[in-house]
N, C-alpha and C. Protein backbone atom coordinates (compact mmCIF):
# COMPACT_ATOMS: atom_id res chain seq x y z
N MET A 1 122.00 79.34 69.17
CA MET A 1 120.72 79.39 68.53
C MET A 1 119.60 79.52 69.57
N LEU A 2 119.71 78.85 70.68
CA LEU A 2 118.64 78.91 71.67
C LEU A 2 118.43 80.33 72.19
N GLU A 3 119.48 81.08 72.37
CA GLU A 3 119.35 82.45 72.86
C GLU A 3 118.59 83.33 71.87
N LYS A 4 118.73 83.06 70.59
CA LYS A 4 118.11 83.88 69.56
C LYS A 4 116.71 83.42 69.19
N MET A 5 116.40 82.14 69.41
CA MET A 5 115.14 81.59 68.91
C MET A 5 114.17 81.15 70.01
N GLN A 6 114.52 81.32 71.29
CA GLN A 6 113.62 80.91 72.36
C GLN A 6 113.18 82.12 73.18
N HIS A 7 111.88 82.20 73.43
CA HIS A 7 111.30 83.27 74.24
C HIS A 7 111.56 82.98 75.72
N GLN A 8 111.50 84.00 76.55
CA GLN A 8 111.72 83.82 77.99
C GLN A 8 110.71 82.87 78.61
N LYS A 9 109.52 82.78 78.03
CA LYS A 9 108.48 81.88 78.55
C LYS A 9 108.72 80.43 78.16
N GLY A 10 109.67 80.17 77.26
CA GLY A 10 110.03 78.81 76.92
C GLY A 10 109.70 78.37 75.51
N TYR A 11 108.76 79.05 74.85
CA TYR A 11 108.42 78.61 73.50
C TYR A 11 109.43 79.14 72.50
N PHE A 12 109.47 78.50 71.34
CA PHE A 12 110.42 78.88 70.30
C PHE A 12 109.74 79.72 69.24
N TYR A 13 110.49 80.64 68.67
CA TYR A 13 109.96 81.50 67.62
C TYR A 13 109.79 80.69 66.33
N PHE A 14 108.90 81.17 65.49
CA PHE A 14 108.56 80.44 64.27
C PHE A 14 109.66 80.49 63.23
N ARG A 15 110.14 81.68 62.91
CA ARG A 15 111.13 81.81 61.83
C ARG A 15 111.92 83.10 61.99
N LYS A 16 113.20 83.04 61.65
CA LYS A 16 114.05 84.22 61.68
C LYS A 16 114.39 84.61 60.24
N TYR A 17 113.97 85.82 59.88
CA TYR A 17 114.28 86.35 58.55
C TYR A 17 115.50 87.26 58.65
N LYS A 18 115.91 87.79 57.53
CA LYS A 18 117.09 88.65 57.51
C LYS A 18 116.87 89.91 58.37
N ASN A 19 115.69 90.51 58.27
CA ASN A 19 115.44 91.79 58.93
C ASN A 19 114.56 91.71 60.17
N TYR A 20 113.92 90.59 60.42
CA TYR A 20 113.07 90.47 61.61
C TYR A 20 112.84 89.00 61.96
N THR A 21 112.31 88.79 63.14
CA THR A 21 112.00 87.44 63.62
C THR A 21 110.50 87.31 63.81
N GLU A 22 109.92 86.25 63.25
CA GLU A 22 108.50 85.95 63.43
C GLU A 22 108.36 85.32 64.81
N LYS A 23 107.84 86.08 65.77
CA LYS A 23 107.80 85.63 67.16
C LYS A 23 106.48 84.99 67.56
N THR A 24 105.65 84.69 66.60
CA THR A 24 104.40 84.00 66.89
C THR A 24 104.70 82.58 67.35
N SER A 25 104.05 82.17 68.41
CA SER A 25 104.26 80.81 68.90
C SER A 25 103.28 79.85 68.24
N PHE A 26 103.79 78.97 67.40
CA PHE A 26 102.98 77.92 66.80
C PHE A 26 103.43 76.61 67.45
N MET A 27 102.68 76.12 68.39
CA MET A 27 103.09 74.97 69.18
C MET A 27 103.49 73.78 68.32
N ARG A 28 102.71 73.46 67.34
CA ARG A 28 103.02 72.27 66.56
C ARG A 28 104.22 72.46 65.64
N TRP A 29 104.43 73.65 65.11
CA TRP A 29 105.48 73.84 64.12
C TRP A 29 106.82 74.18 64.74
N SER A 30 106.94 75.35 65.32
CA SER A 30 108.27 75.78 65.78
C SER A 30 108.79 74.95 66.95
N ASN A 31 107.98 74.67 67.94
CA ASN A 31 108.46 73.89 69.08
C ASN A 31 108.76 72.45 68.69
N ALA A 32 107.90 71.86 67.89
CA ALA A 32 108.12 70.46 67.50
C ALA A 32 109.41 70.31 66.71
N TRP A 33 109.65 71.18 65.75
CA TRP A 33 110.87 71.07 64.93
C TRP A 33 112.12 71.38 65.76
N MET A 34 112.03 72.34 66.68
CA MET A 34 113.19 72.65 67.52
C MET A 34 113.51 71.46 68.42
N PHE A 35 112.50 70.85 69.02
CA PHE A 35 112.74 69.69 69.87
C PHE A 35 113.28 68.52 69.06
N ALA A 36 112.79 68.34 67.85
CA ALA A 36 113.32 67.28 66.99
C ALA A 36 114.79 67.53 66.67
N GLY A 37 115.13 68.77 66.38
CA GLY A 37 116.53 69.12 66.09
C GLY A 37 117.43 68.94 67.30
N LEU A 38 116.96 69.38 68.46
CA LEU A 38 117.75 69.22 69.68
C LEU A 38 117.93 67.75 70.03
N THR A 39 116.91 66.94 69.78
CA THR A 39 117.01 65.50 70.02
C THR A 39 118.08 64.88 69.13
N ALA A 40 118.12 65.29 67.87
CA ALA A 40 119.13 64.78 66.95
C ALA A 40 120.53 65.17 67.41
N VAL A 41 120.69 66.37 67.88
CA VAL A 41 122.00 66.83 68.38
C VAL A 41 122.41 66.01 69.59
N LEU A 42 121.47 65.82 70.55
CA LEU A 42 121.79 65.04 71.73
C LEU A 42 122.12 63.59 71.41
N GLN A 43 121.41 63.01 70.45
CA GLN A 43 121.71 61.63 70.04
C GLN A 43 123.10 61.55 69.42
N SER A 44 123.45 62.52 68.64
CA SER A 44 124.77 62.54 68.01
C SER A 44 125.87 62.69 69.06
N LEU A 45 125.68 63.58 70.00
CA LEU A 45 126.66 63.77 71.06
C LEU A 45 126.79 62.51 71.92
N SER A 46 125.67 61.86 72.19
CA SER A 46 125.68 60.64 72.99
C SER A 46 126.42 59.52 72.24
N ALA A 47 126.22 59.41 70.95
CA ALA A 47 126.89 58.38 70.16
C ALA A 47 128.40 58.63 70.11
N ASN A 48 128.79 59.88 70.08
CA ASN A 48 130.23 60.21 70.03
C ASN A 48 130.93 59.95 71.36
N ARG A 49 130.18 59.97 72.45
CA ARG A 49 130.77 59.70 73.77
C ARG A 49 131.11 58.24 73.97
N GLN A 50 130.34 57.37 73.32
CA GLN A 50 130.51 55.94 73.55
C GLN A 50 131.60 55.35 72.73
């Protein structure tokens, strides 16, 4: 997912539709939700290790 939804400059794209990707950088929306999702994944992986 990161390869498809993250720009080379580091920000995340807003939304991926069937035929195109909305590449506008909305700092509060796309980056915040992506970081929240990645945090949940890392917490889950960390809990499974213990």
